Protein backbone atom coordinates (compact mmCIF):
# COMPACT_ATOMS: atom_id res chain seq x y z
CA MET A 1 104.61 118.32 37.68
CA ARG A 2 105.16 122.19 37.26
CA ILE A 3 104.16 122.63 40.96
CA ARG A 4 106.48 120.12 42.28
CA ARG A 5 109.38 121.77 40.28
CA THR A 6 108.54 125.02 41.70
CA LEU A 7 108.55 123.80 45.41
CA GLY A 8 111.72 122.09 44.89
CA LEU A 9 113.15 125.42 43.45
CA ILE A 10 111.78 127.13 46.68
CA LEU A 11 113.10 124.79 49.16
CA ALA A 12 116.71 124.62 47.49
CA ALA A 13 116.59 128.54 47.56
CA ALA A 14 115.85 128.23 51.27
CA THR A 15 118.28 126.05 51.91
CA LEU A 16 121.09 127.83 50.33
CA ALA A 17 119.91 130.96 52.31
CA GLY A 18 120.43 129.36 55.37
CA THR A 19 116.80 128.77 56.57
CA GLY A 20 115.60 125.24 56.21
CA ALA A 21 111.82 125.09 56.23
CA VAL A 22 112.11 121.84 58.82
CA GLY A 23 114.63 123.68 61.01
CA ALA A 24 112.75 126.86 61.54
CA VAL A 25 109.55 125.03 62.48
CA ALA A 26 111.56 122.45 64.91
CA ALA A 27 113.70 125.57 66.34
CA GLN A 28 110.35 127.30 67.41
CA ALA A 29 108.91 124.14 68.75
CA ALA A 30 111.94 123.37 70.91
CA SER A 31 111.94 126.63 72.83
CA SER A 32 109.42 126.50 75.68
CA PRO A 33 107.18 129.55 76.43
CA THR A 34 108.04 131.76 79.58
CA ILE A 35 105.92 133.80 81.75
CA THR A 36 106.45 136.24 84.64
CA ARG A 37 105.18 135.96 88.14
CA GLU A 38 103.05 138.77 87.40
CA GLU A 39 101.44 137.60 84.32
CA CYS A 40 100.84 134.29 86.00
CA ALA A 41 98.66 135.86 88.86
CA ALA A 42 96.93 138.10 85.99
CA ALA A 43 95.99 134.81 84.17
CA GLY A 44 94.61 133.23 87.09
CA GLY A 45 97.53 130.69 87.67
CA GLN A 46 99.35 129.07 90.34
CA VAL A 47 103.14 129.42 90.84
CA LYS A 48 104.85 126.22 92.02
CA SER A 49 108.20 125.60 93.06
CA ILE A 50 110.11 122.42 91.90
CA PRO A 51 113.13 121.64 93.52
CA TYR A 52 116.24 121.60 91.23
CA GLY A 53 113.98 122.68 88.50
CA GLY A 54 112.97 125.95 89.00
CA ASP A 55 109.31 127.81 89.35
CA THR A 56 106.64 126.83 87.01
CA CYS A 57 103.19 128.62 86.51
CA THR A 58 100.11 126.18 86.16
CA LEU A 59 97.47 128.10 84.15
CA PRO A 60 93.68 127.23 84.58
CA ASP A 61 93.72 125.39 81.02
CA GLY A 62 95.99 122.87 82.48
CA THR A 63 99.20 124.11 80.66
CA ASN A 64 102.72 124.65 82.63
CA GLN A 65 104.74 127.14 81.71
CA ARG A 66 108.41 128.20 82.96
CA ILE A 67 108.70 131.27 85.33
CA THR A 68 111.58 133.68 84.27
């Protein structure tokens, strides 16, 4: 019971401070990672141009990142 009350107070304080626990995680997850052409080449990736979508880097592990 005491732990639940303490967690409630912490979440209430974070909400009043303007940093919601869920909002901060969601904002971080929503931003996509970016990479430069040089970093892509150094990591062994391949640059692909997507029509109307810009350039992406496909890394050896199969992930794609937008090129800035």
